[in-house]
Amino acid sequence: MNRYLMTLLAGVAIGAIALQGLHAQGAKQKAYAISEIDVLDASALGAYLPGARKAIAAAHGRTLGTAGGRVVQIEGGPAPKRVGITEWDSLDDAVRSTSRKPGPTWRRSAKRRRRQSGGTS
């Protein structure tokens, strides 16, 4: 009888460990992107944001509220003017969202930024 009881307890323990291992494999950690934003052209930003928000949502991402982008410096170098924080359900979703081809609005604003910074278009 003792032998059967020990075998039963060992089987339950092994099953519990295996179940815990399977549960840990299924849990994905969230991914975050923190962006420093310096707006050079407010009208271009206004045209860019709706498409960017749609692309982030399509990749299972969410923008997190940052008090209107306001930044308070606590330590280190000068703080950026604005900050954006985006959360994704997984790192895979975050990578997929950045690997898509940029749309025409983004390309136009990128060319404008290069011209303003003295780069070539």
PDB file of N, CA and C in Angstrom:
ATOM      1  N   MET A   1       0.809  -1.197   0.000  1.00  0.00           N
ATOM      2  CA  MET A   1       0.000   0.000   0.000  1.00  0.00           C
ATOM      3  C   MET A   1       0.857   1.267   0.000  1.00  0.00           C
ATOM      4  N   ASN A   2       1.914   1.251   0.841  1.00  0.00           N
ATOM      5  CA  ASN A   2       2.811   2.403   0.889  1.00  0.00           C
ATOM      6  C   ASN A   2       3.478   2.669  -0.454  1.00  0.00           C
ATOM      7  N   ARG A   3       3.816   1.582  -1.122  1.00  0.00           N
ATOM      8  CA  ARG A   3       4.481   1.717  -2.419  1.00  0.00           C
ATOM      9  C   ARG A   3       3.556   2.401  -3.424  1.00  0.00           C
ATOM     10  N   TYR A   4       2.293   2.031  -3.433  1.00  0.00           N
ATOM     11  CA  TYR A   4       1.332   2.650  -4.355  1.00  0.00           C
ATOM     12  C   TYR A   4       1.109   4.118  -4.024  1.00  0.00           C
ATOM     13  N   LEU A   5       1.073   4.432  -2.737  1.00  0.00           N
ATOM     14  CA  LEU A   5       0.881   5.804  -2.304  1.00  0.00           C
ATOM     15  C   LEU A   5       2.069   6.673  -2.722  1.00  0.00           C
ATOM     16  N   MET A   6       3.274   6.171  -2.567  1.00  0.00           N
ATOM     17  CA  MET A   6       4.480   6.911  -2.966  1.00  0.00           C
ATOM     18  C   MET A   6       4.507   7.102  -4.487  1.00  0.00           C
ATOM     19  N   THR A   7       4.115   6.089  -5.233  1.00  0.00           N
ATOM     20  CA  THR A   7       4.065   6.195  -6.687  1.00  0.00           C
ATOM     21  C   THR A   7       3.042   7.236  -7.112  1.00  0.00           C
ATOM     22  N   LEU A   8       1.888   7.231  -6.454  1.00  0.00           N
ATOM     23  CA  LEU A   8       0.845   8.203  -6.754  1.00  0.00           C
ATOM     24  C   LEU A   8       1.325   9.630  -6.459  1.00  0.00           C
ATOM     25  N   LEU A   9       1.946   9.831  -5.321  1.00  0.00           N
ATOM     26  CA  LEU A   9       2.452  11.165  -4.966  1.00  0.00           C
ATOM     27  C   LEU A   9       3.547  11.621  -5.931  1.00  0.00           C
ATOM     28  N   ALA A  10       4.412  10.706  -6.324  1.00  0.00           N
ATOM     29  CA  ALA A  10       5.464  11.060  -7.282  1.00  0.00           C
ATOM     30  C   ALA A  10       4.852  11.459  -8.624  1.00  0.00           C
ATOM     31  N   GLY A  11       3.825  10.747  -9.066  1.00  0.00           N
ATOM     32  CA  GLY A  11       3.154  11.079 -10.324  1.00  0.00           C
ATOM     33  C   GLY A  11       2.481  12.444 -10.271  1.00  0.00           C
ATOM     34  N   VAL A  12       1.841  12.749  -9.145  1.00  0.00           N
ATOM     35  CA  VAL A  12       1.199  14.062  -8.977  1.00  0.00           C
ATOM     36  C   VAL A  12       2.256  15.161  -9.004  1.00  0.00           C
ATOM     37  N   ALA A  13       3.374  14.955  -8.337  1.00  0.00           N
ATOM     38  CA  ALA A  13       4.434  15.960  -8.302  1.00  0.00           C
ATOM     39  C   ALA A  13       5.017  16.201  -9.699  1.00  0.00           C
ATOM     40  N   ILE A  14       5.265  15.129 -10.427  1.00  0.00           N
ATOM     41  CA  ILE A  14       5.796  15.263 -11.788  1.00  0.00           C
ATOM     42  C   ILE A  14       4.788  15.980 -12.683  1.00  0.00           C
ATOM     43  N   GLY A  15       3.524  15.646 -12.552  1.00  0.00           N
ATOM     44  CA  GLY A  15       2.488  16.314 -13.338  1.00  0.00           C
ATOM     45  C   GLY A  15       2.394  17.798 -13.018  1.00  0.00           C
ATOM     46  N   ALA A  16       2.496  18.139 -11.740  1.00  0.00           N
ATOM     47  CA  ALA A  16       2.436  19.546 -11.338  1.00  0.00           C
ATOM     48  C   ALA A  16       3.625  20.321 -11.905  1.00  0.00           C
ATOM     49  N   ILE A  17       4.797  19.736 -11.871  1.00  0.00           N
ATOM     50  CA  ILE A  17       5.990  20.400 -12.422  1.00  0.00           C
ATOM     51  C   ILE A  17       5.850  20.580 -13.934  1.00  0.00           C
ATOM     52  N   ALA A  18       5.373  19.553 -14.612  1.00  0.00           N
ATOM     53  CA  ALA A  18       5.189  19.646 -16.065  1.00  0.00           C
ATOM     54  C   ALA A  18       4.149  20.706 -16.417  1.00  0.00           C
ATOM     55  N   LEU A  19       3.086  20.784 -15.672  1.00  0.00           N
ATOM     56  CA  LEU A  19       2.042  21.781 -15.920  1.00  0.00           C
ATOM     57  C   LEU A  19       2.587  23.192 -15.718  1.00  0.00           C
ATOM     58  N   GLN A  20       3.384  23.380 -14.673  1.00  0.00           N
ATOM     59  CA  GLN A  20       3.996  24.693 -14.423  1.00  0.00           C
ATOM     60  C   GLN A  20       4.920  25.075 -15.574  1.00  0.00           C
ATOM     61  N   GLY A  21       5.684  24.121 -16.078  1.00  0.00           N
ATOM     62  CA  GLY A  21       6.579  24.394 -17.201  1.00  0.00           C
ATOM     63  C   GLY A  21       5.815  24.775 -18.452  1.00  0.00           C
ATOM     64  N   LEU A  22       4.721  24.096 -18.738  1.00  0.00           N
ATOM     65  CA  LEU A  22       3.905  24.437 -19.905  1.00  0.00           C
ATOM     66  C   LEU A  22       3.259  25.809 -19.751  1.00  0.00           C
ATOM     67  N   HIS A  23       2.828  26.131 -18.557  1.00  0.00           N
ATOM     68  CA  HIS A  23       2.216  27.440 -18.318  1.00  0.00           C
ATOM     69  C   HIS A  23       3.240  28.553 -18.538  1.00  0.00           C
ATOM     70  N   ALA A  24       4.471  28.358 -18.088  1.00  0.00           N
ATOM     71  CA  ALA A  24       5.514  29.375 -18.244  1.00  0.00           C
ATOM     72  C   ALA A  24       5.875  29.582 -19.712  1.00  0.00           C
ATOM     73  N   GLN A  25       5.791  28.532 -20.530  1.00  0.00           N
ATOM     74  CA  GLN A  25       6.117  28.664 -21.944  1.00  0.00           C
ATOM     75  C   GLN A  25       5.087  29.502 -22.676  1.00  0.00           C
ATOM     76  N   GLY A  26       3.839  29.447 -22.257  1.00  0.00           N
ATOM     77  CA  GLY A  26       2.776  30.167 -22.944  1.00  0.00           C
ATOM     78  C   GLY A  26       2.709  31.639 -22.584  1.00  0.00           C
ATOM     79  N   ALA A  27       3.342  32.052 -21.511  1.00  0.00           N
ATOM     80  CA  ALA A  27       3.273  33.448 -21.069  1.00  0.00           C
ATOM     81  C   ALA A  27       4.272  34.282 -21.849  1.00  0.00           C
ATOM     82  N   LYS A  28       3.757  35.251 -22.608  1.00  0.00           N
ATOM     83  CA  LYS A  28       4.637  36.142 -23.356  1.00  0.00           C
ATOM     84  C   LYS A  28       4.797  37.444 -22.587  1.00  0.00           C
ATOM     85  N   GLN A  29       5.995  37.970 -22.607  1.00  0.00           N
ATOM     86  CA  GLN A  29       6.228  39.243 -21.953  1.00  0.00           C
ATOM     87  C   GLN A  29       5.914  40.372 -22.914  1.00  0.00           C
ATOM     88  N   LYS A  30       5.454  41.470 -22.383  1.00  0.00           N
ATOM     89  CA  LYS A  30       5.143  42.633 -23.204  1.00  0.00           C
ATOM     90  C   LYS A  30       6.432  43.318 -23.616  1.00  0.00           C
ATOM     91  N   ALA A  31       6.343  44.099 -24.697  1.00  0.00           N
ATOM     92  CA  ALA A  31       7.487  44.864 -25.191  1.00  0.00           C
ATOM     93  C   ALA A  31       7.105  46.343 -25.197  1.00  0.00           C
ATOM     94  N   TYR A  32       8.079  47.201 -24.978  1.00  0.00           N
ATOM     95  CA  TYR A  32       7.842  48.636 -24.920  1.00  0.00           C
ATOM     96  C   TYR A  32       8.839  49.365 -25.809  1.00  0.00           C
ATOM     97  N   ALA A  33       8.377  50.437 -26.428  1.00  0.00           N
ATOM     98  CA  ALA A  33       9.253  51.327 -27.190  1.00  0.00           C
ATOM     99  C   ALA A  33       9.092  52.723 -26.610  1.00  0.00           C
ATOM    100  N   ILE A  34      10.199  53.372 -26.335  1.00  0.00           N
ATOM    101  CA  ILE A  34      10.178  54.735 -25.819  1.00  0.00           C
ATOM    102  C   ILE A  34      10.843  55.614 -26.857  1.00  0.00           C
ATOM    103  N   SER A  35      10.120  56.626 -27.315  1.00  0.00           N
ATOM    104  CA  SER A  35      10.593  57.492 -28.400  1.00  0.00           C
ATOM    105  C   SER A  35      10.753  58.916 -27.900  1.00  0.00           C
ATOM    106  N   GLU A  36      11.882  59.525 -28.221  1.00  0.00           N
ATOM    107  CA  GLU A  36      12.074  60.945 -27.967  1.00  0.00           C
ATOM    108  C   GLU A  36      11.585  61.688 -29.201  1.00  0.00           C
ATOM    109  N   ILE A  37      10.745  62.689 -28.992  1.00  0.00           N
ATOM    110  CA  ILE A  37      10.106  63.367 -30.115  1.00  0.00           C
ATOM    111  C   ILE A  37      10.476  64.844 -30.096  1.00  0.00           C
ATOM    112  N   ASP A  38      10.961  65.329 -31.225  1.00  0.00           N
ATOM    113  CA  ASP A  38      11.227  66.754 -31.420  1.00  0.00           C
ATOM    114  C   ASP A  38      10.461  67.157 -32.674  1.00  0.00           C
ATOM    115  N   VAL A  39       9.354  67.844 -32.514  1.00  0.00           N
ATOM    116  CA  VAL A  39       8.477  68.180 -33.629  1.00  0.00           C
ATOM    117  C   VAL A  39       9.077  69.356 -34.410  1.00  0.00           C
ATOM    118  N   LEU A  40       9.396  69.113 -35.686  1.00  0.00           N
ATOM    119  CA  LEU A  40       9.914  70.169 -36.557  1.00  0.00           C
ATOM    120  C   LEU A  40       8.811  70.783 -37.397  1.00  0.00           C
ATOM    121  N   ASP A  41       7.797  69.997 -37.727  1.00  0.00           N
ATOM    122  CA  ASP A  41       6.701  70.469 -38.568  1.00  0.00           C
ATOM    123  C   ASP A  41       5.394  69.914 -37.995  1.00  0.00           C
ATOM    124  N   ALA A  42       4.640  70.782 -37.321  1.00  0.00           N
ATOM    125  CA  ALA A  42       3.409  70.343 -36.655  1.00  0.00           C
ATOM    126  C   ALA A  42       2.379  69.810 -37.653  1.00  0.00           C
ATOM    127  N   SER A  43       2.308  70.388 -38.855  1.00  0.00           N
ATOM    128  CA  SER A  43       1.333  69.909 -39.835  1.00  0.00           C
ATOM    129  C   SER A  43       1.704  68.507 -40.329  1.00  0.00           C
ATOM    130  N   ALA A  44       2.987  68.234 -40.497  1.00  0.00           N
ATOM    131  CA  ALA A  44       3.415  66.892 -40.912  1.00  0.00           C
ATOM    132  C   ALA A  44       3.118  65.884 -39.801  1.00  0.00           C
ATOM    133  N   LEU A  45       3.308  66.297 -38.552  1.00  0.00           N
ATOM    134  CA  LEU A  45       3.002  65.409 -37.434  1.00  0.00           C
ATOM    135  C   LEU A  45       1.513  65.106 -37.399  1.00  0.00           C
ATOM    136  N   GLY A  46       0.694  66.111 -37.632  1.00  0.00           N
ATOM    137  CA  GLY A  46      -0.751  65.908 -37.652  1.00  0.00           C
ATOM    138  C   GLY A  46      -1.187  64.938 -38.735  1.00  0.00           C
ATOM    139  N   ALA A  47      -0.504  64.977 -39.880  1.00  0.00           N
ATOM    140  CA  ALA A  47      -0.825  64.053 -40.973  1.00  0.00           C
ATOM    141  C   ALA A  47      -0.286  62.648 -40.696  1.00  0.00           C
ATOM    142  N   TYR A  48       0.809  62.561 -39.968  1.00  0.00           N
ATOM    143  CA  TYR A  48       1.477  61.288 -39.707  1.00  0.00           C
ATOM    144  C   TYR A  48       0.785  60.481 -38.605  1.00  0.00           C
ATOM    145  N   LEU A  49       0.335  61.141 -37.547  1.00  0.00           N
ATOM    146  CA  LEU A  49      -0.165  60.439 -36.365  1.00  0.00           C
ATOM    147  C   LEU A  49      -1.332  59.485 -36.614  1.00  0.00           C
ATOM    148  N   PRO A  50      -2.372  59.854 -37.382  1.00  0.00           N
ATOM    149  CA  PRO A  50      -3.470  58.897 -37.570  1.00  0.00           C
ATOM    150  C   PRO A  50      -3.022  57.579 -38.202  1.00  0.00           C
ATOM    151  N   GLY A  51      -2.163  57.650 -39.210  1.00  0.00           N
ATOM    152  CA  GLY A  51      -1.658  56.431 -39.841  1.00  0.00           C
ATOM    153  C   GLY A  51      -0.765  55.629 -38.915  1.00  0.00           C
ATOM    154  N   ALA A  52       0.057  56.333 -38.134  1.00  0.00           N
ATOM    155  CA  ALA A  52       0.946  55.647 -37.192  1.00  0.00           C
ATOM    156  C   ALA A  52       0.137  54.941 -36.114  1.00  0.00           C
ATOM    157  N   ARG A  53      -0.885  55.598 -35.605  1.00  0.00           N
ATOM    158  CA  ARG A  53      -1.723  54.978 -34.575  1.00  0.00           C
ATOM    159  C   ARG A  53      -2.455  53.753 -35.119  1.00  0.00           C
ATOM    160  N   LYS A  54      -2.889  53.844 -36.363  1.00  0.00           N
ATOM    161  CA  LYS A  54      -3.579  52.708 -36.989  1.00  0.00           C
ATOM    162  C   LYS A  54      -2.616  51.528 -37.162  1.00  0.00           C
ATOM    163  N   ALA A  55      -1.375  51.802 -37.579  1.00  0.00           N
ATOM    164  CA  ALA A  55      -0.381  50.740 -37.763  1.00  0.00           C
ATOM    165  C   ALA A  55      -0.011  50.105 -36.421  1.00  0.00           C
ATOM    166  N   ILE A  56       0.108  50.919 -35.381  1.00  0.00           N
ATOM    167  CA  ILE A  56       0.431  50.392 -34.051  1.00  0.00           C
ATOM    168  C   ILE A  56      -0.695  49.490 -33.562  1.00  0.00           C
ATOM    169  N   ALA A  57      -1.938  49.938 -33.736  1.00  0.00           N
ATOM    170  CA  ALA A  57      -3.084  49.131 -33.307  1.00  0.00           C
ATOM    171  C   ALA A  57      -3.169  47.823 -34.097  1.00  0.00           C
ATOM    172  N   ALA A  58      -2.850  47.867 -35.396  1.00  0.00           N
ATOM    173  CA  ALA A  58      -2.883  46.657 -36.220  1.00  0.00           C
ATOM    174  C   ALA A  58      -1.836  45.639 -35.768  1.00  0.00           C
ATOM    175  N   ALA A  59      -0.758  46.124 -35.143  1.00  0.00           N
ATOM    176  CA  ALA A  59       0.303  45.237 -34.654  1.00  0.00           C
ATOM    177  C   ALA A  59       0.110  44.893 -33.178  1.00  0.00           C
ATOM    178  N   HIS A  60      -1.117  45.057 -32.670  1.00  0.00           N
ATOM    179  CA  HIS A  60      -1.457  44.748 -31.274  1.00  0.00           C
ATOM    180  C   HIS A  60      -0.726  45.653 -30.291  1.00  0.00           C
ATOM    181  N   GLY A  61      -0.508  46.905 -30.676  1.00  0.00           N
ATOM    182  CA  GLY A  61       0.167  47.858 -29.801  1.00  0.00           C
ATOM    183  C   GLY A  61      -0.786  48.907 -29.273  1.00  0.00           C
ATOM    184  N   ARG A  62      -0.360  49.553 -28.202  1.00  0.00           N
ATOM    185  CA  ARG A  62      -1.135  50.636 -27.601  1.00  0.00           C
ATOM    186  C   ARG A  62      -0.185  51.758 -27.218  1.00  0.00           C
ATOM    187  N   THR A  63      -0.616  52.997 -27.460  1.00  0.00           N
ATOM    188  CA  THR A  63       0.185  54.124 -26.996  1.00  0.00           C
ATOM    189  C   THR A  63      -0.245  54.418 -25.562  1.00  0.00           C
ATOM    190  N   LEU A  64       0.724  54.637 -24.709  1.00  0.00           N
ATOM    191  CA  LEU A  64       0.443  54.905 -23.308  1.00  0.00           C
ATOM    192  C   LEU A  64       0.476  56.409 -23.070  1.00  0.00           C
ATOM    193  N   GLY A  65      -0.428  56.893 -22.254  1.00  0.00           N
ATOM    194  CA  GLY A  65      -0.493  58.323 -21.961  1.00  0.00           C
ATOM    195  C   GLY A  65       0.752  58.802 -21.238  1.00  0.00           C
ATOM    196  N   THR A  66       1.292  59.902 -21.699  1.00  0.00           N
ATOM    197  CA  THR A  66       2.508  60.452 -21.089  1.00  0.00           C
ATOM    198  C   THR A  66       2.303  61.917 -20.722  1.00  0.00           C
ATOM    199  N   ALA A  67       1.148  62.244 -20.195  1.00  0.00           N
ATOM    200  CA  ALA A  67       0.844  63.629 -19.797  1.00  0.00           C
ATOM    201  C   ALA A  67       1.059  64.573 -20.974  1.00  0.00           C
ATOM    202  N   GLY A  68       0.520  64.205 -22.126  1.00  0.00           N
ATOM    203  CA  GLY A  68       0.664  65.049 -23.305  1.00  0.00           C
ATOM    204  C   GLY A  68       2.088  65.072 -23.831  1.00  0.00           C
ATOM    205  N   GLY A  69       2.866  64.057 -23.527  1.00  0.00           N
ATOM    206  CA  GLY A  69       4.251  64.027 -23.977  1.00  0.00           C
ATOM    207  C   GLY A  69       5.188  64.826 -23.098  1.00  0.00           C
ATOM    208  N   ARG A  70       4.679  65.398 -22.038  1.00  0.00           N
ATOM    209  CA  ARG A  70       5.501  66.233 -21.154  1.00  0.00           C
ATOM    210  C   ARG A  70       6.570  65.388 -20.467  1.00  0.00           C
ATOM    211  N   VAL A  71       7.762  65.961 -20.346  1.00  0.00           N
ATOM    212  CA  VAL A  71       8.886  65.249 -19.749  1.00  0.00           C
ATOM    213  C   VAL A  71       9.475  66.109 -18.643  1.00  0.00           C
ATOM    214  N   VAL A  72       9.757  65.507 -17.509  1.00  0.00           N
ATOM    215  CA  VAL A  72      10.400  66.198 -16.396  1.00  0.00           C
ATOM    216  C   VAL A  72      11.753  65.551 -16.183  1.00  0.00           C
ATOM    217  N   GLN A  73      12.800  66.343 -16.224  1.00  0.00           N
ATOM    218  CA  GLN A  73      14.148  65.809 -16.044  1.00  0.00           C
ATOM    219  C   GLN A  73      14.414  65.572 -14.567  1.00  0.00           C
ATOM    220  N   ILE A  74      14.870  64.366 -14.262  1.00  0.00           N
ATOM    221  CA  ILE A  74      15.228  64.033 -12.881  1.00  0.00           C
ATOM    222  C   ILE A  74      16.747  63.969 -12.753  1.00  0.00           C
ATOM    223  N   GLU A  75      17.391  63.356 -13.721  1.00  0.00           N
ATOM    224  CA  GLU A  75      18.854  63.304 -13.721  1.00  0.00           C
ATOM    225  C   GLU A  75      19.336  63.087 -15.144  1.00  0.00           C
ATOM    226  N   GLY A  76      20.632  63.230 -15.355  1.00  0.00           N
ATOM    227  CA  GLY A  76      21.202  63.021 -16.678  1.00  0.00           C
ATOM    228  C   GLY A  76      21.203  64.282 -17.515  1.00  0.00           C
ATOM    229  N   GLY A  77      21.361  64.102 -18.816  1.00  0.00           N
ATOM    230  CA  GLY A  77      21.432  65.211 -19.767  1.00  0.00           C
ATOM    231  C   GLY A  77      20.099  65.904 -19.927  1.00  0.00           C
ATOM    232  N   PRO A  78      20.054  66.848 -20.853  1.00  0.00           N
ATOM    233  CA  PRO A  78      18.800  67.574 -21.064  1.00  0.00           C
ATOM    234  C   PRO A  78      17.682  66.639 -21.515  1.00  0.00           C
ATOM    235  N   ALA A  79      16.505  66.880 -20.989  1.00  0.00           N
ATOM    236  CA  ALA A  79      15.351  66.046 -21.311  1.00  0.00           C
ATOM    237  C   ALA A  79      14.849  66.375 -22.715  1.00  0.00           C
ATOM    238  N   PRO A  80      14.312  65.375 -23.429  1.00  0.00           N
ATOM    239  CA  PRO A  80      13.709  65.658 -24.731  1.00  0.00           C
ATOM    240  C   PRO A  80      12.451  66.502 -24.542  1.00  0.00           C
ATOM    241  N   LYS A  81      12.013  67.134 -25.627  1.00  0.00           N
ATOM    242  CA  LYS A  81      10.826  67.983 -25.538  1.00  0.00           C
ATOM    243  C   LYS A  81       9.563  67.157 -25.317  1.00  0.00           C
ATOM    244  N   ARG A  82       9.454  66.013 -25.995  1.00  0.00           N
ATOM    245  CA  ARG A  82       8.289  65.133 -25.855  1.00  0.00           C
ATOM    246  C   ARG A  82       8.754  63.689 -25.872  1.00  0.00           C
ATOM    247  N   VAL A  83       7.938  62.831 -25.297  1.00  0.00           N
ATOM    248  CA  VAL A  83       8.249  61.398 -25.262  1.00  0.00           C
ATOM    249  C   VAL A  83       6.979  60.626 -25.603  1.00  0.00           C
ATOM    250  N   GLY A  84       7.140  59.554 -26.356  1.00  0.00           N
ATOM    251  CA  GLY A  84       6.034  58.649 -26.641  1.00  0.00           C
ATOM    252  C   GLY A  84       6.382  57.259 -26.154  1.00  0.00           C
ATOM    253  N   ILE A  85       5.429  56.580 -25.532  1.00  0.00           N
ATOM    254  CA  ILE A  85       5.644  55.210 -25.057  1.00  0.00           C
ATOM    255  C   ILE A  85       4.596  54.313 -25.707  1.00  0.00           C
ATOM    256  N   THR A  86       5.072  53.242 -26.333  1.00  0.00           N
ATOM    257  CA  THR A  86       4.183  52.293 -26.986  1.00  0.00           C
ATOM    258  C   THR A  86       4.381  50.922 -26.355  1.00  0.00           C
ATOM    259  N   GLU A  87       3.276  50.231 -26.084  1.00  0.00           N
ATOM    260  CA  GLU A  87       3.307  48.897 -25.492  1.00  0.00           C
ATOM    261  C   GLU A  87       2.751  47.899 -26.500  1.00  0.00           C
ATOM    262  N   TRP A  88       3.445  46.763 -26.663  1.00  0.00           N
ATOM    263  CA  TRP A  88       2.960  45.677 -27.518  1.00  0.00           C
ATOM    264  C   TRP A  88       2.737  44.444 -26.669  1.00  0.00           C
ATOM    265  N   ASP A  89       1.867  43.565 -27.162  1.00  0.00           N
ATOM    266  CA  ASP A  89       1.580  42.321 -26.449  1.00  0.00           C
ATOM    267  C   ASP A  89       2.800  41.413 -26.372  1.00  0.00           C
ATOM    268  N   SER A  90       3.698  41.501 -27.365  1.00  0.00           N
ATOM    269  CA  SER A  90       4.909  40.669 -27.361  1.00  0.00           C
ATOM    270  C   SER A  90       6.001  41.361 -28.169  1.00  0.00           C
ATOM    271  N   LEU A  91       7.221  40.890 -28.002  1.00  0.00           N
ATOM    272  CA  LEU A  91       8.334  41.428 -28.766  1.00  0.00           C
ATOM    273  C   LEU A  91       8.152  41.149 -30.252  1.00  0.00           C
ATOM    274  N   ASP A  92       7.584  39.996 -30.587  1.00  0.00           N
ATOM    275  CA  ASP A  92       7.328  39.661 -31.993  1.00  0.00           C
ATOM    276  C   ASP A  92       6.404  40.688 -32.638  1.00  0.00           C
ATOM    277  N   ASP A  93       5.363  41.114 -31.919  1.00  0.00           N
ATOM    278  CA  ASP A  93       4.450  42.135 -32.454  1.00  0.00           C
ATOM    279  C   ASP A  93       5.172  43.460 -32.668  1.00  0.00           C
ATOM    280  N   ALA A  94       6.044  43.817 -31.743  1.00  0.00           N
ATOM    281  CA  ALA A  94       6.781  45.077 -31.864  1.00  0.00           C
ATOM    282  C   ALA A  94       7.701  45.050 -33.081  1.00  0.00           C
ATOM    283  N   VAL A  95       8.394  43.948 -33.282  1.00  0.00           N
ATOM    284  CA  VAL A  95       9.303  43.829 -34.429  1.00  0.00           C
ATOM    285  C   VAL A  95       8.515  43.861 -35.735  1.00  0.00           C
ATOM    286  N   ARG A  96       7.388  43.153 -35.777  1.00  0.00           N
ATOM    287  CA  ARG A  96       6.557  43.167 -36.979  1.00  0.00           C
ATOM    288  C   ARG A  96       6.064  44.575 -37.307  1.00  0.00           C
ATOM    289  N   SER A  97       5.743  45.347 -36.288  1.00  0.00           N
ATOM    290  CA  SER A  97       5.212  46.689 -36.545  1.00  0.00           C
ATOM    291  C   SER A  97       6.269  47.605 -37.155  1.00  0.00           C
ATOM    292  N   THR A  98       7.538  47.389 -36.848  1.00  0.00           N
ATOM    293  CA  THR A  98       8.591  48.245 -37.394  1.00  0.00           C
ATOM    294  C   THR A  98       9.137  47.718 -38.711  1.00  0.00           C
ATOM    295  N   SER A  99       8.804  46.498 -39.088  1.00  0.00           N
ATOM    296  CA  SER A  99       9.345  45.934 -40.329  1.00  0.00           C
ATOM    297  C   SER A  99       8.455  46.220 -41.529  1.00  0.00           C
ATOM    298  N   ARG A 100       7.321  46.875 -41.309  1.00  0.00           N
ATOM    299  CA  ARG A 100       6.445  47.211 -42.428  1.00  0.00           C
ATOM    300  C   ARG A 100       7.009  48.386 -43.199  1.00  0.00           C
ATOM    301  N   LYS A 101       6.633  48.450 -44.470  1.00  0.00           N
ATOM    302  CA  LYS A 101       7.098  49.553 -45.298  1.00  0.00           C
ATOM    303  C   LYS A 101       6.406  50.838 -44.873  1.00  0.00           C
ATOM    304  N   PRO A 102       7.172  51.943 -44.764  1.00  0.00           N
ATOM    305  CA  PRO A 102       6.547  53.203 -44.386  1.00  0.00           C
ATOM    306  C   PRO A 102       5.626  53.721 -45.489  1.00  0.00           C
ATOM    307  N   GLY A 103       4.575  54.388 -45.088  1.00  0.00           N
ATOM    308  CA  GLY A 103       3.612  54.937 -46.045  1.00  0.00           C
ATOM    309  C   GLY A 103       4.099  56.221 -46.674  1.00  0.00           C
ATOM    310  N   PRO A 104       3.346  56.772 -47.633  1.00  0.00           N
ATOM    311  CA  PRO A 104       3.774  57.977 -48.350  1.00  0.00           C
ATOM    312  C   PRO A 104       3.911  59.198 -47.447  1.00  0.00           C
ATOM    313  N   THR A 105       3.078  59.326 -46.421  1.00  0.00           N
ATOM    314  CA  THR A 105       3.190  60.475 -45.517  1.00  0.00           C
ATOM    315  C   THR A 105       4.514  60.438 -44.782  1.00  0.00           C
ATOM    316  N   TRP A 106       4.909  59.265 -44.321  1.00  0.00           N
ATOM    317  CA  TRP A 106       6.170  59.138 -43.613  1.00  0.00           C
ATOM    318  C   TRP A 106       7.336  59.456 -44.551  1.00  0.00           C
ATOM    319  N   ARG A 107       7.272  58.971 -45.802  1.00  0.00           N
ATOM    320  CA  ARG A 107       8.365  59.230 -46.746  1.00  0.00           C
ATOM    321  C   ARG A 107       8.496  60.718 -47.029  1.00  0.00           C
ATOM    322  N   ARG A 108       7.365  61.413 -47.201  1.00  0.00           N
ATOM    323  CA  ARG A 108       7.430  62.861 -47.456  1.00  0.00           C
ATOM    324  C   ARG A 108       8.037  63.590 -46.261  1.00  0.00           C
ATOM    325  N   SER A 109       7.608  63.231 -45.057  1.00  0.00           N
ATOM    326  CA  SER A 109       8.138  63.929 -43.888  1.00  0.00           C
ATOM    327  C   SER A 109       9.613  63.575 -43.678  1.00  0.00           C
ATOM    328  N   ALA A 110      10.039  62.362 -44.025  1.00  0.00           N
ATOM    329  CA  ALA A 110      11.450  61.990 -43.901  1.00  0.00           C
ATOM    330  C   ALA A 110      12.300  62.819 -44.857  1.00  0.00           C
ATOM    331  N   LYS A 111      11.816  63.022 -46.085  1.00  0.00           N
ATOM    332  CA  LYS A 111      12.565  63.857 -47.037  1.00  0.00           C
ATOM    333  C   LYS A 111      12.663  65.286 -46.527  1.00  0.00           C
ATOM    334  N   ARG A 112      11.569  65.789 -45.962  1.00  0.00           N
ATOM    335  CA  ARG A 112      11.569  67.153 -45.433  1.00  0.00           C
ATOM    336  C   ARG A 112      12.563  67.268 -44.286  1.00  0.00           C
ATOM    337  N   ARG A 113      12.609  66.260 -43.406  1.00  0.00           N
ATOM    338  CA  ARG A 113      13.554  66.298 -42.280  1.00  0.00           C
ATOM    339  C   ARG A 113      14.987  66.299 -42.782  1.00  0.00           C
ATOM    340  N   ARG A 114      15.274  65.500 -43.823  1.00  0.00           N
ATOM    341  CA  ARG A 114      16.641  65.462 -44.351  1.00  0.00           C
ATOM    342  C   ARG A 114      17.023  66.813 -44.941  1.00  0.00           C
ATOM    343  N   ARG A 115      16.091  67.443 -45.661  1.00  0.00           N
ATOM    344  CA  ARG A 115      16.392  68.756 -46.245  1.00  0.00           C
ATOM    345  C   ARG A 115      16.659  69.787 -45.151  1.00  0.00           C
ATOM    346  N   GLN A 116      15.854  69.763 -44.080  1.00  0.00           N
ATOM    347  CA  GLN A 116      15.998  70.725 -42.996  1.00  0.00           C
ATOM    348  C   GLN A 116      17.295  70.507 -42.233  1.00  0.00           C
ATOM    349  N   SER A 117      17.761  69.270 -42.153  1.00  0.00           N
ATOM    350  CA  SER A 117      18.986  68.998 -41.418  1.00  0.00           C
ATOM    351  C   SER A 117      20.221  69.126 -42.295  1.00  0.00           C
ATOM    352  N   GLY A 118      20.039  69.429 -43.576  1.00  0.00           N
ATOM    353  CA  GLY A 118      21.174  69.601 -44.473  1.00  0.00           C
ATOM    354  C   GLY A 118      21.612  68.340 -45.166  1.00  0.00           C
ATOM    355  N   GLY A 119      20.868  67.238 -44.975  1.00  0.00           N
ATOM    356  CA  GLY A 119      21.191  65.967 -45.626  1.00  0.00           C
ATOM    357  C   GLY A 119      20.662  65.946 -47.059  1.00  0.00           C
ATOM    358  N   THR A 120      20.946  64.880 -47.764  1.00  0.00           N
ATOM    359  CA  THR A 120      20.455  64.734 -49.136  1.00  0.00           C
ATOM    360  C   THR A 120      19.158  63.987 -49.131  1.00  0.00           C
ATOM    361  N   SER A 121      18.302  64.203 -50.132  1.00  0.00           N
ATOM    362  CA  SER A 121      17.028  63.484 -50.186  1.00  0.00           C
ATOM    363  C   SER A 121      17.091  62.385 -51.143  1.00  0.00           C
TER     364      SER A 121
END
